[in-house]
């Protein structure tokens, strides 16, 4: 509140390039110029691919989490994960351990090189199992990607991203999924050391 003791009496509202300017009384200094600039950040679903470290001489798998933000009342999501096939071998993908919302048959993955899917792509799809919508916390893991670094790969980075190249990238808050909204994505990587 501008005036915690009573009405601020705002007047003279003027929009300048999306910022609202007006005069209001804060109860102490009289009428002054104020502005309100609403946030332009998206409140839609965001996928964030994690960053992990492994090496070409490490026979163990590297597990790369995919987390979400703004996962509020979501009924379904789908898309394509793209990875650097010259540096990484795809070993599999799962939902997060101990979370019954992100397991088969509700969360599905298509393998690279199957059908029309390229060798550097993994398709994914999920639907809410109860026929409603689901909300999870920002930063919660919804998928875990398993890779091994190819022997002989030099140090550097193997980028991983999410797009709609093989399966349309989208999500819906409609249980009938009549249309898809486009989420934002932040890519990740495997650092090869």
N, C-alpha and C. Protein backbone atom coordinates (compact mmCIF):
# COMPACT_ATOMS: atom_id res chain seq x y z
N UNK A 1 0.83 -1.18 0.00
CA UNK A 1 0.00 0.00 0.00
C UNK A 1 0.87 1.24 0.00
N UNK A 2 0.44 2.22 -0.79
CA UNK A 2 1.18 3.50 -0.83
C UNK A 2 0.98 4.26 0.46
N UNK A 3 -0.26 4.31 0.96
CA UNK A 3 -0.58 5.02 2.20
C UNK A 3 -1.11 4.01 3.20
N UNK A 4 -0.29 3.60 4.17
CA UNK A 4 -0.72 2.58 5.12
C UNK A 4 -1.78 3.06 6.11
N UNK A 5 -2.03 4.38 6.18
CA UNK A 5 -2.99 4.89 7.15
C UNK A 5 -4.34 5.22 6.54
N UNK A 6 -4.46 5.13 5.23
CA UNK A 6 -5.74 5.45 4.59
C UNK A 6 -5.61 5.42 3.09
N UNK A 7 -6.56 6.04 2.41
CA UNK A 7 -6.56 6.04 0.95
C UNK A 7 -5.44 6.92 0.42
N UNK A 8 -4.80 6.46 -0.65
CA UNK A 8 -3.75 7.24 -1.28
C UNK A 8 -4.31 8.17 -2.35
N UNK A 9 -5.57 8.01 -2.69
CA UNK A 9 -6.23 8.89 -3.66
C UNK A 9 -5.52 9.00 -4.99
N UNK A 10 -5.17 7.89 -5.64
CA UNK A 10 -4.42 7.98 -6.90
C UNK A 10 -5.21 8.70 -7.99
N UNK A 11 -4.50 9.54 -8.76
CA UNK A 11 -5.12 10.29 -9.86
C UNK A 11 -4.14 10.41 -11.02
N UNK A 12 -4.65 10.81 -12.18
CA UNK A 12 -3.81 11.12 -13.33
C UNK A 12 -3.10 9.91 -13.93
N UNK A 13 -3.78 8.81 -14.08
CA UNK A 13 -3.17 7.59 -14.62
C UNK A 13 -2.75 7.80 -16.08
N UNK A 14 -1.49 7.49 -16.38
CA UNK A 14 -0.95 7.61 -17.73
C UNK A 14 -0.08 6.40 -18.04
N UNK A 15 -0.37 5.73 -19.17
CA UNK A 15 0.41 4.58 -19.60
C UNK A 15 1.48 5.04 -20.57
N UNK A 16 2.75 4.72 -20.27
CA UNK A 16 3.86 5.04 -21.15
C UNK A 16 4.62 3.73 -21.40
N UNK A 17 4.43 3.18 -22.60
CA UNK A 17 5.11 1.94 -23.00
C UNK A 17 4.96 0.82 -21.98
N UNK A 18 3.74 0.64 -21.46
CA UNK A 18 3.48 -0.46 -20.54
C UNK A 18 3.74 -0.15 -19.08
N UNK A 19 4.24 1.04 -18.78
CA UNK A 19 4.45 1.45 -17.40
C UNK A 19 3.38 2.47 -17.04
N UNK A 20 2.68 2.24 -15.92
CA UNK A 20 1.61 3.12 -15.49
C UNK A 20 2.16 4.16 -14.52
N UNK A 21 2.00 5.47 -14.88
CA UNK A 21 2.42 6.58 -14.02
C UNK A 21 1.17 7.22 -13.43
N UNK A 22 1.28 7.65 -12.16
CA UNK A 22 0.14 8.30 -11.52
C UNK A 22 0.64 9.09 -10.30
N UNK A 23 -0.21 9.95 -9.79
CA UNK A 23 0.10 10.70 -8.57
C UNK A 23 -0.69 10.08 -7.43
N UNK A 24 -0.07 9.99 -6.26
CA UNK A 24 -0.75 9.43 -5.10
C UNK A 24 -0.15 10.03 -3.84
N UNK A 25 -0.93 10.01 -2.76
CA UNK A 25 -0.54 10.57 -1.47
C UNK A 25 -0.10 9.43 -0.55
N UNK A 26 1.15 9.45 -0.09
CA UNK A 26 1.65 8.38 0.78
C UNK A 26 1.32 8.62 2.25
N UNK A 27 0.60 9.73 2.55
CA UNK A 27 0.21 10.02 3.93
C UNK A 27 1.24 10.81 4.70
N UNK A 28 2.42 11.01 4.11
CA UNK A 28 3.49 11.75 4.79
C UNK A 28 3.96 12.93 3.97
N UNK A 29 4.21 12.71 2.67
CA UNK A 29 4.79 13.73 1.79
C UNK A 29 3.79 14.37 0.84
N UNK A 30 2.54 14.05 0.95
CA UNK A 30 1.54 14.57 0.02
C UNK A 30 1.60 13.84 -1.31
N UNK A 31 1.03 14.45 -2.34
CA UNK A 31 0.99 13.81 -3.66
C UNK A 31 2.37 13.83 -4.31
N UNK A 32 2.77 12.66 -4.80
CA UNK A 32 4.03 12.50 -5.51
C UNK A 32 3.79 11.61 -6.72
N UNK A 33 4.76 11.62 -7.63
CA UNK A 33 4.67 10.76 -8.80
C UNK A 33 5.05 9.33 -8.43
N UNK A 34 4.23 8.38 -8.87
CA UNK A 34 4.47 6.95 -8.65
C UNK A 34 4.41 6.26 -9.99
N UNK A 35 5.00 5.07 -10.05
CA UNK A 35 4.87 4.28 -11.27
C UNK A 35 4.69 2.81 -10.91
N UNK A 36 4.00 2.10 -11.80
CA UNK A 36 3.81 0.67 -11.66
C UNK A 36 4.20 0.04 -12.99
N UNK A 37 5.21 -0.85 -12.93
CA UNK A 37 5.66 -1.56 -14.13
C UNK A 37 5.45 -3.05 -13.89
N UNK A 38 4.41 -3.63 -14.47
CA UNK A 38 4.17 -5.05 -14.25
C UNK A 38 5.31 -5.89 -14.79
N UNK A 39 5.56 -7.01 -14.14
CA UNK A 39 6.60 -7.92 -14.58
C UNK A 39 6.26 -8.48 -15.95
N UNK A 40 7.26 -8.55 -16.82
CA UNK A 40 7.05 -9.11 -18.14
C UNK A 40 7.55 -10.54 -18.22
N UNK A 41 7.94 -11.11 -17.08
CA UNK A 41 8.40 -12.48 -17.10
C UNK A 41 7.23 -13.42 -17.25
N UNK A 42 7.47 -14.52 -17.90
CA UNK A 42 6.44 -15.50 -18.15
C UNK A 42 6.11 -16.25 -16.88
N UNK A 43 4.84 -16.54 -16.69
CA UNK A 43 4.45 -17.38 -15.57
C UNK A 43 4.11 -18.78 -16.08
N UNK A 44 4.43 -19.06 -17.35
CA UNK A 44 4.15 -20.37 -17.92
C UNK A 44 5.21 -21.38 -17.54
N UNK A 45 4.95 -22.61 -17.88
CA UNK A 45 5.84 -23.73 -17.56
C UNK A 45 7.23 -23.52 -18.14
N UNK A 46 8.24 -23.85 -17.34
CA UNK A 46 9.63 -23.78 -17.79
C UNK A 46 10.32 -25.10 -17.47
N UNK A 47 11.01 -25.67 -18.47
CA UNK A 47 11.86 -26.84 -18.27
C UNK A 47 13.30 -26.36 -18.15
N UNK A 48 14.04 -26.91 -17.17
CA UNK A 48 15.44 -26.55 -16.98
C UNK A 48 16.27 -27.84 -16.97
N UNK A 49 17.15 -27.98 -17.96
CA UNK A 49 18.03 -29.14 -18.03
C UNK A 49 19.24 -28.86 -17.14
N UNK A 50 19.61 -29.82 -16.31
CA UNK A 50 20.71 -29.64 -15.38
C UNK A 50 22.08 -29.73 -16.04
N UNK A 51 23.10 -29.45 -15.26
CA UNK A 51 24.49 -29.57 -15.70
C UNK A 51 25.19 -30.55 -14.77
N UNK A 52 25.85 -31.53 -15.35
CA UNK A 52 26.58 -32.55 -14.59
C UNK A 52 27.97 -32.70 -15.17
N UNK A 53 28.87 -33.33 -14.41
CA UNK A 53 30.25 -33.52 -14.85
C UNK A 53 30.58 -35.01 -14.92
N UNK A 54 31.29 -35.40 -15.97
CA UNK A 54 31.76 -36.77 -16.12
C UNK A 54 33.00 -36.74 -17.01
N UNK A 55 33.59 -37.90 -17.23
CA UNK A 55 34.78 -37.95 -18.08
C UNK A 55 34.73 -39.12 -19.03
N UNK A 56 35.52 -39.06 -20.10
CA UNK A 56 35.50 -40.12 -21.11
C UNK A 56 36.08 -41.44 -20.60
N UNK A 57 36.84 -41.41 -19.54
CA UNK A 57 37.40 -42.63 -18.98
C UNK A 57 36.61 -43.14 -17.78
N UNK A 58 35.47 -42.51 -17.53
CA UNK A 58 34.61 -42.92 -16.43
C UNK A 58 33.51 -43.81 -17.01
N UNK A 59 33.54 -45.11 -16.68
CA UNK A 59 32.55 -46.01 -17.26
C UNK A 59 31.16 -45.85 -16.64
N UNK A 60 31.07 -45.04 -15.58
CA UNK A 60 29.79 -44.86 -14.92
C UNK A 60 28.91 -43.88 -15.68
N UNK A 61 27.62 -44.05 -15.49
CA UNK A 61 26.67 -43.15 -16.13
C UNK A 61 26.66 -41.79 -15.43
N UNK A 62 26.28 -40.79 -16.19
CA UNK A 62 26.03 -39.47 -15.64
C UNK A 62 24.52 -39.24 -15.74
N UNK A 63 23.93 -38.78 -14.66
CA UNK A 63 22.48 -38.58 -14.59
C UNK A 63 22.19 -37.09 -14.60
N UNK A 64 21.45 -36.64 -15.60
CA UNK A 64 21.16 -35.22 -15.79
C UNK A 64 19.69 -34.98 -15.46
N UNK A 65 19.41 -34.20 -14.41
CA UNK A 65 18.01 -33.93 -14.06
C UNK A 65 17.39 -32.87 -14.96
N UNK A 66 16.09 -32.99 -15.16
CA UNK A 66 15.30 -31.94 -15.81
C UNK A 66 14.29 -31.49 -14.77
N UNK A 67 14.38 -30.23 -14.40
CA UNK A 67 13.48 -29.67 -13.40
C UNK A 67 12.47 -28.74 -14.07
N UNK A 68 11.48 -28.33 -13.30
CA UNK A 68 10.44 -27.43 -13.82
C UNK A 68 10.25 -26.25 -12.89
N UNK A 69 9.76 -25.18 -13.46
CA UNK A 69 9.28 -24.01 -12.72
C UNK A 69 7.89 -23.69 -13.24
N UNK A 70 7.09 -23.10 -12.40
CA UNK A 70 5.72 -22.70 -12.77
C UNK A 70 4.89 -23.88 -13.25
N UNK A 71 5.06 -25.03 -12.63
CA UNK A 71 4.30 -26.23 -12.96
C UNK A 71 3.03 -26.20 -12.11
N UNK A 72 2.07 -25.42 -12.57
CA UNK A 72 0.84 -25.19 -11.82
C UNK A 72 -0.36 -25.64 -12.64
N UNK A 73 -1.11 -26.57 -12.10
CA UNK A 73 -2.31 -27.10 -12.75
C UNK A 73 -2.02 -27.58 -14.17
N UNK A 74 -1.02 -28.43 -14.32
CA UNK A 74 -0.64 -28.97 -15.63
C UNK A 74 -1.28 -30.34 -15.80
N UNK A 75 -1.84 -30.58 -16.99
CA UNK A 75 -2.47 -31.86 -17.30
C UNK A 75 -1.59 -32.75 -18.15
N UNK A 76 -0.76 -32.14 -19.02
CA UNK A 76 0.08 -32.92 -19.92
C UNK A 76 1.24 -32.07 -20.41
N UNK A 77 2.35 -32.72 -20.77
CA UNK A 77 3.45 -32.03 -21.46
C UNK A 77 4.16 -33.01 -22.38
N UNK A 78 4.86 -32.46 -23.37
CA UNK A 78 5.58 -33.29 -24.33
C UNK A 78 6.67 -32.47 -25.00
N UNK A 79 7.60 -33.16 -25.67
CA UNK A 79 8.66 -32.47 -26.39
C UNK A 79 9.76 -33.41 -26.81
N UNK A 80 10.90 -32.83 -27.16
CA UNK A 80 12.06 -33.57 -27.64
C UNK A 80 13.31 -33.07 -26.92
N UNK A 81 14.11 -34.00 -26.45
CA UNK A 81 15.40 -33.68 -25.84
C UNK A 81 16.46 -33.91 -26.90
N UNK A 82 17.32 -32.93 -27.13
CA UNK A 82 18.40 -33.03 -28.11
C UNK A 82 19.73 -33.09 -27.36
N UNK A 83 20.60 -34.03 -27.75
CA UNK A 83 21.89 -34.17 -27.09
C UNK A 83 22.98 -34.35 -28.15
N UNK A 84 24.22 -34.15 -27.74
CA UNK A 84 25.36 -34.26 -28.65
C UNK A 84 25.76 -35.73 -28.76
N UNK A 85 25.30 -36.38 -29.83
CA UNK A 85 25.55 -37.81 -30.01
C UNK A 85 27.01 -38.12 -30.33
N UNK A 86 27.81 -37.10 -30.67
CA UNK A 86 29.23 -37.37 -30.94
C UNK A 86 30.01 -37.53 -29.64
N UNK A 87 29.43 -37.06 -28.52
CA UNK A 87 30.12 -37.12 -27.24
C UNK A 87 29.41 -37.99 -26.21
N UNK A 88 28.10 -38.14 -26.35
CA UNK A 88 27.31 -38.86 -25.35
C UNK A 88 26.60 -40.05 -25.97
N UNK A 89 26.46 -41.10 -25.18
CA UNK A 89 25.62 -42.24 -25.53
C UNK A 89 24.43 -42.23 -24.59
N UNK A 90 23.23 -42.26 -25.16
CA UNK A 90 22.01 -42.27 -24.37
C UNK A 90 21.80 -43.66 -23.79
N UNK A 91 21.62 -43.73 -22.47
CA UNK A 91 21.44 -45.01 -21.80
C UNK A 91 20.00 -45.22 -21.34
N UNK A 92 19.26 -44.15 -21.15
CA UNK A 92 17.88 -44.28 -20.70
C UNK A 92 17.39 -43.03 -20.01
N UNK A 93 16.13 -43.05 -19.63
CA UNK A 93 15.53 -41.92 -18.92
C UNK A 93 14.43 -42.46 -18.02
N UNK A 94 14.23 -41.79 -16.91
CA UNK A 94 13.19 -42.19 -15.97
C UNK A 94 12.59 -40.93 -15.36
N UNK A 95 11.55 -41.14 -14.60
CA UNK A 95 11.04 -40.08 -13.75
C UNK A 95 11.90 -40.06 -12.49
N UNK A 96 11.72 -39.07 -11.63
CA UNK A 96 12.51 -39.00 -10.41
C UNK A 96 12.16 -40.16 -9.47
N UNK A 97 13.13 -40.63 -8.74
CA UNK A 97 12.89 -41.71 -7.79
C UNK A 97 11.85 -41.30 -6.76
N UNK A 98 11.02 -42.21 -6.42
CA UNK A 98 10.01 -42.06 -5.36
C UNK A 98 8.91 -41.05 -5.66
N UNK A 99 8.76 -40.61 -6.88
CA UNK A 99 7.65 -39.72 -7.21
C UNK A 99 6.69 -40.46 -8.13
N UNK A 100 5.55 -40.91 -7.61
CA UNK A 100 4.63 -41.71 -8.42
C UNK A 100 3.95 -40.93 -9.54
N UNK A 101 4.06 -39.60 -9.55
CA UNK A 101 3.43 -38.81 -10.60
C UNK A 101 4.18 -38.88 -11.92
N UNK A 102 5.49 -39.19 -11.87
CA UNK A 102 6.30 -39.15 -13.07
C UNK A 102 6.95 -40.52 -13.34
N UNK A 103 6.10 -41.52 -13.50
CA UNK A 103 6.55 -42.88 -13.82
C UNK A 103 5.74 -43.40 -15.00
N UNK A 104 6.24 -44.48 -15.64
CA UNK A 104 5.47 -45.13 -16.70
C UNK A 104 4.21 -45.73 -16.07
N UNK A 105 3.10 -45.74 -16.72
CA UNK A 105 2.89 -45.38 -18.12
C UNK A 105 2.57 -43.90 -18.33
N UNK A 106 2.64 -43.08 -17.28
CA UNK A 106 2.27 -41.67 -17.40
C UNK A 106 3.37 -40.84 -18.04
N UNK A 107 4.63 -41.20 -17.78
CA UNK A 107 5.77 -40.53 -18.39
C UNK A 107 6.43 -41.51 -19.35
N UNK A 108 6.50 -41.14 -20.62
CA UNK A 108 7.02 -42.05 -21.65
C UNK A 108 8.16 -41.39 -22.42
N UNK A 109 9.11 -42.22 -22.85
CA UNK A 109 10.25 -41.75 -23.63
C UNK A 109 10.37 -42.57 -24.90
N UNK A 110 10.69 -41.90 -26.00
CA UNK A 110 10.99 -42.57 -27.26
C UNK A 110 12.49 -42.58 -27.47
N UNK A 111 13.02 -43.71 -27.86
CA UNK A 111 14.47 -43.88 -28.00
C UNK A 111 15.00 -43.19 -29.25
N UNK A 112 16.26 -42.75 -29.20
CA UNK A 112 16.90 -42.16 -30.38
C UNK A 112 16.99 -43.17 -31.52
N UNK A 113 16.84 -42.68 -32.75
CA UNK A 113 17.02 -43.52 -33.92
C UNK A 113 15.89 -44.48 -34.21
N UNK A 114 14.77 -44.35 -33.54
CA UNK A 114 13.63 -45.22 -33.78
C UNK A 114 12.59 -44.46 -34.59
N UNK A 115 12.14 -45.08 -35.68
CA UNK A 115 11.17 -44.41 -36.55
C UNK A 115 11.77 -43.17 -37.17
N UNK A 116 11.09 -42.05 -37.03
CA UNK A 116 11.57 -40.80 -37.61
C UNK A 116 12.40 -39.97 -36.63
N UNK A 117 12.64 -40.51 -35.45
CA UNK A 117 13.40 -39.78 -34.43
C UNK A 117 14.90 -39.89 -34.76
N UNK A 118 15.61 -38.75 -34.87
CA UNK A 118 17.06 -38.80 -35.16
C UNK A 118 17.85 -39.45 -34.04
N UNK A 119 19.09 -39.80 -34.33
CA UNK A 119 19.96 -40.46 -33.36
C UNK A 119 20.35 -39.57 -32.18
N UNK A 120 20.12 -38.26 -32.27
CA UNK A 120 20.48 -37.34 -31.19
C UNK A 120 19.26 -36.80 -30.45
N UNK A 121 18.13 -37.51 -30.55
CA UNK A 121 16.89 -37.00 -29.97
C UNK A 121 16.18 -38.06 -29.13
N UNK A 122 15.56 -37.60 -28.07
CA UNK A 122 14.73 -38.44 -27.20
C UNK A 122 13.38 -37.74 -27.11
N UNK A 123 12.32 -38.40 -27.47
CA UNK A 123 11.00 -37.79 -27.32
C UNK A 123 10.44 -38.14 -25.95
N UNK A 124 9.58 -37.27 -25.44
CA UNK A 124 8.96 -37.53 -24.14
C UNK A 124 7.53 -37.01 -24.12
N UNK A 125 6.72 -37.65 -23.30
CA UNK A 125 5.34 -37.19 -23.09
C UNK A 125 4.89 -37.62 -21.70
N UNK A 126 4.02 -36.84 -21.11
CA UNK A 126 3.49 -37.12 -19.78
C UNK A 126 2.05 -36.66 -19.72
N UNK A 127 1.22 -37.40 -18.99
CA UNK A 127 -0.13 -36.93 -18.69
C UNK A 127 -0.43 -37.23 -17.23
N UNK A 128 -1.26 -36.40 -16.64
CA UNK A 128 -1.62 -36.54 -15.24
C UNK A 128 -2.49 -37.78 -15.09
N UNK A 129 -2.09 -38.68 -14.20
CA UNK A 129 -2.71 -39.99 -14.09
C UNK A 129 -4.13 -40.01 -13.56
N UNK A 130 -4.53 -38.98 -12.83
CA UNK A 130 -5.86 -38.99 -12.24
C UNK A 130 -6.93 -38.33 -13.09
N UNK A 131 -6.55 -37.89 -14.31
CA UNK A 131 -7.52 -37.23 -15.17
C UNK A 131 -7.81 -35.81 -14.75
N UNK A 132 -6.94 -35.22 -13.93
CA UNK A 132 -7.13 -33.83 -13.52
C UNK A 132 -5.86 -33.06 -13.88
N UNK A 133 -5.41 -32.19 -13.01
CA UNK A 133 -4.15 -31.46 -13.23
C UNK A 133 -3.26 -31.64 -12.01
N UNK A 134 -2.00 -31.30 -12.17
CA UNK A 134 -1.02 -31.48 -11.10
C UNK A 134 -0.22 -30.20 -10.93
N UNK A 135 0.13 -29.90 -9.69
CA UNK A 135 1.01 -28.78 -9.36
C UNK A 135 2.19 -29.33 -8.57
N UNK A 136 3.41 -28.95 -8.97
CA UNK A 136 4.61 -29.33 -8.21
C UNK A 136 5.41 -28.07 -7.93
N UNK A 137 6.35 -28.18 -7.01
CA UNK A 137 7.16 -27.03 -6.59
C UNK A 137 8.18 -26.64 -7.65
N UNK A 138 8.52 -25.36 -7.69
CA UNK A 138 9.61 -24.90 -8.54
C UNK A 138 10.88 -25.66 -8.17
N UNK A 139 11.61 -26.11 -9.19
CA UNK A 139 12.84 -26.83 -8.96
C UNK A 139 12.67 -28.34 -8.81
N UNK A 140 11.42 -28.83 -8.80
CA UNK A 140 11.21 -30.27 -8.70
C UNK A 140 11.68 -30.97 -9.97
N UNK A 141 12.25 -32.15 -9.80
CA UNK A 141 12.72 -32.96 -10.92
C UNK A 141 11.53 -33.72 -11.51
N UNK A 142 11.38 -33.65 -12.85
CA UNK A 142 10.33 -34.41 -13.52
C UNK A 142 10.89 -35.51 -14.42
N UNK A 143 12.18 -35.42 -14.78
CA UNK A 143 12.82 -36.43 -15.60
C UNK A 143 14.29 -36.51 -15.22
N UNK A 144 14.86 -37.70 -15.39
CA UNK A 144 16.30 -37.88 -15.18
C UNK A 144 16.83 -38.59 -16.43
N UNK A 145 17.79 -37.97 -17.10
CA UNK A 145 18.38 -38.51 -18.33
C UNK A 145 19.70 -39.18 -17.99
N UNK A 146 19.91 -40.37 -18.52
CA UNK A 146 21.14 -41.11 -18.24
C UNK A 146 21.99 -41.21 -19.51
N UNK A 147 23.25 -40.78 -19.40
CA UNK A 147 24.20 -40.82 -20.51
C UNK A 147 25.51 -41.41 -20.03
N UNK A 148 26.32 -41.91 -20.97
CA UNK A 148 27.74 -42.16 -20.71
C UNK A 148 28.51 -41.33 -21.73
N UNK A 149 29.69 -40.89 -21.31
CA UNK A 149 30.55 -40.13 -22.21
C UNK A 149 31.31 -41.14 -23.07
N UNK A 150 31.36 -40.92 -24.37
CA UNK A 150 32.05 -41.83 -25.28
C UNK A 150 33.55 -41.82 -25.01
N UNK A 151 34.15 -43.00 -25.04
CA UNK A 151 35.59 -43.14 -24.82
C UNK A 151 36.33 -42.31 -25.87
N UNK A 152 37.36 -41.59 -25.43
CA UNK A 152 38.16 -40.79 -26.34
C UNK A 152 37.63 -39.38 -26.56
N UNK A 153 36.51 -39.05 -25.94
CA UNK A 153 35.96 -37.70 -26.10
C UNK A 153 36.86 -36.70 -25.39
N UNK A 154 37.29 -35.64 -26.07
CA UNK A 154 38.15 -34.64 -25.41
C UNK A 154 37.36 -33.84 -24.37
N UNK A 155 38.10 -33.19 -23.49
CA UNK A 155 37.44 -32.35 -22.49
C UNK A 155 36.63 -31.26 -23.19
N UNK A 156 35.61 -30.81 -22.53
CA UNK A 156 34.74 -29.80 -23.11
C UNK A 156 33.33 -29.96 -22.58
N UNK A 157 32.36 -29.65 -23.43
CA UNK A 157 30.96 -29.71 -23.03
C UNK A 157 30.15 -30.45 -24.07
N UNK A 158 29.15 -31.17 -23.61
CA UNK A 158 28.16 -31.80 -24.48
C UNK A 158 26.82 -31.17 -24.12
N UNK A 159 26.28 -30.37 -25.02
CA UNK A 159 25.06 -29.61 -24.75
C UNK A 159 23.83 -30.50 -24.84
N UNK A 160 22.83 -30.17 -24.01
CA UNK A 160 21.55 -30.87 -23.99
C UNK A 160 20.47 -29.79 -23.97
N UNK A 161 19.47 -29.92 -24.84
CA UNK A 161 18.41 -28.92 -24.91
C UNK A 161 17.06 -29.60 -25.10
N UNK A 162 16.02 -28.82 -24.98
CA UNK A 162 14.65 -29.30 -25.20
C UNK A 162 14.02 -28.44 -26.27
N UNK A 163 13.41 -29.11 -27.27
CA UNK A 163 12.72 -28.37 -28.33
C UNK A 163 11.54 -29.19 -28.85
N UNK A 164 11.03 -28.82 -29.99
CA UNK A 164 9.89 -29.51 -30.57
C UNK A 164 10.21 -30.13 -31.91
N UNK A 165 11.45 -30.53 -32.14
CA UNK A 165 11.86 -30.99 -33.46
C UNK A 165 11.25 -32.34 -33.86
N UNK A 166 11.13 -33.29 -32.95
CA UNK A 166 10.55 -34.59 -33.30
C UNK A 166 9.14 -34.76 -32.74
N UNK A 167 8.92 -34.27 -31.54
CA UNK A 167 7.59 -34.23 -30.94
C UNK A 167 7.34 -32.78 -30.56
N UNK A 168 6.19 -32.26 -30.95
CA UNK A 168 5.89 -30.85 -30.69
C UNK A 168 6.09 -30.52 -29.22
N UNK A 169 6.78 -29.43 -28.95
CA UNK A 169 7.02 -28.98 -27.59
C UNK A 169 5.78 -28.26 -27.09
N UNK A 170 5.23 -28.73 -25.98
CA UNK A 170 4.05 -28.06 -25.46
C UNK A 170 3.57 -28.65 -24.16
N UNK A 171 2.62 -27.95 -23.56
CA UNK A 171 1.96 -28.41 -22.34
C UNK A 171 0.54 -27.90 -22.35
N UNK A 172 -0.29 -28.49 -21.49
CA UNK A 172 -1.67 -28.05 -21.41
C UNK A 172 -2.14 -28.09 -19.97
N UNK A 173 -2.98 -27.13 -19.65
CA UNK A 173 -3.65 -27.14 -18.36
C UNK A 173 -5.09 -27.63 -18.52
N UNK A 174 -5.38 -28.12 -19.71
CA UNK A 174 -6.70 -28.63 -20.08
C UNK A 174 -6.63 -30.16 -20.11
N UNK A 175 -7.43 -30.84 -19.28
CA UNK A 175 -7.34 -32.30 -19.24
C UNK A 175 -7.73 -32.94 -20.56
N UNK A 176 -8.44 -32.22 -21.41
CA UNK A 176 -8.78 -32.74 -22.74
C UNK A 176 -7.68 -32.44 -23.76
N UNK A 177 -6.69 -31.64 -23.39
CA UNK A 177 -5.53 -31.30 -24.23
C UNK A 177 -5.94 -30.95 -25.65
N UNK A 178 -6.88 -30.03 -25.78
CA UNK A 178 -7.32 -29.61 -27.11
C UNK A 178 -6.33 -28.68 -27.78
N UNK A 179 -5.44 -28.08 -27.01
CA UNK A 179 -4.40 -27.24 -27.58
C UNK A 179 -3.21 -27.24 -26.63
N UNK A 180 -2.05 -26.88 -27.17
CA UNK A 180 -0.83 -26.86 -26.37
C UNK A 180 -0.29 -25.46 -26.24
N UNK A 181 0.19 -25.13 -25.05
CA UNK A 181 0.91 -23.89 -24.81
C UNK A 181 2.39 -24.18 -24.96
N UNK A 182 3.18 -23.17 -25.25
CA UNK A 182 4.61 -23.38 -25.43
C UNK A 182 5.37 -23.00 -24.17
N UNK A 183 6.09 -23.96 -23.57
CA UNK A 183 6.88 -23.63 -22.39
C UNK A 183 8.19 -22.96 -22.77
N UNK A 184 8.84 -22.38 -21.79
CA UNK A 184 10.21 -21.90 -22.02
C UNK A 184 11.16 -23.02 -21.60
N UNK A 185 12.35 -22.98 -22.13
CA UNK A 185 13.34 -24.02 -21.81
C UNK A 185 14.70 -23.40 -21.55
N UNK A 186 15.44 -24.01 -20.67
CA UNK A 186 16.82 -23.64 -20.40
C UNK A 186 17.67 -24.89 -20.58
N UNK A 187 18.61 -24.84 -21.49
CA UNK A 187 19.43 -26.01 -21.78
C UNK A 187 20.45 -26.28 -20.68
N UNK A 188 20.99 -27.48 -20.73
CA UNK A 188 22.02 -27.88 -19.78
C UNK A 188 23.17 -28.53 -20.52
N UNK A 189 23.99 -29.28 -19.79
CA UNK A 189 25.15 -29.88 -20.44
C UNK A 189 25.80 -30.90 -19.54
N UNK A 190 26.63 -31.72 -20.16
CA UNK A 190 27.55 -32.58 -19.43
C UNK A 190 28.93 -31.97 -19.64
N UNK A 191 29.59 -31.63 -18.56
CA UNK A 191 30.95 -31.11 -18.63
C UNK A 191 31.89 -32.31 -18.62
N UNK A 192 32.71 -32.40 -19.64
CA UNK A 192 33.61 -33.54 -19.80
C UNK A 192 35.00 -33.10 -19.34
N UNK A 193 35.48 -33.74 -18.27
CA UNK A 193 36.78 -33.33 -17.74
C UNK A 193 37.79 -34.47 -17.73
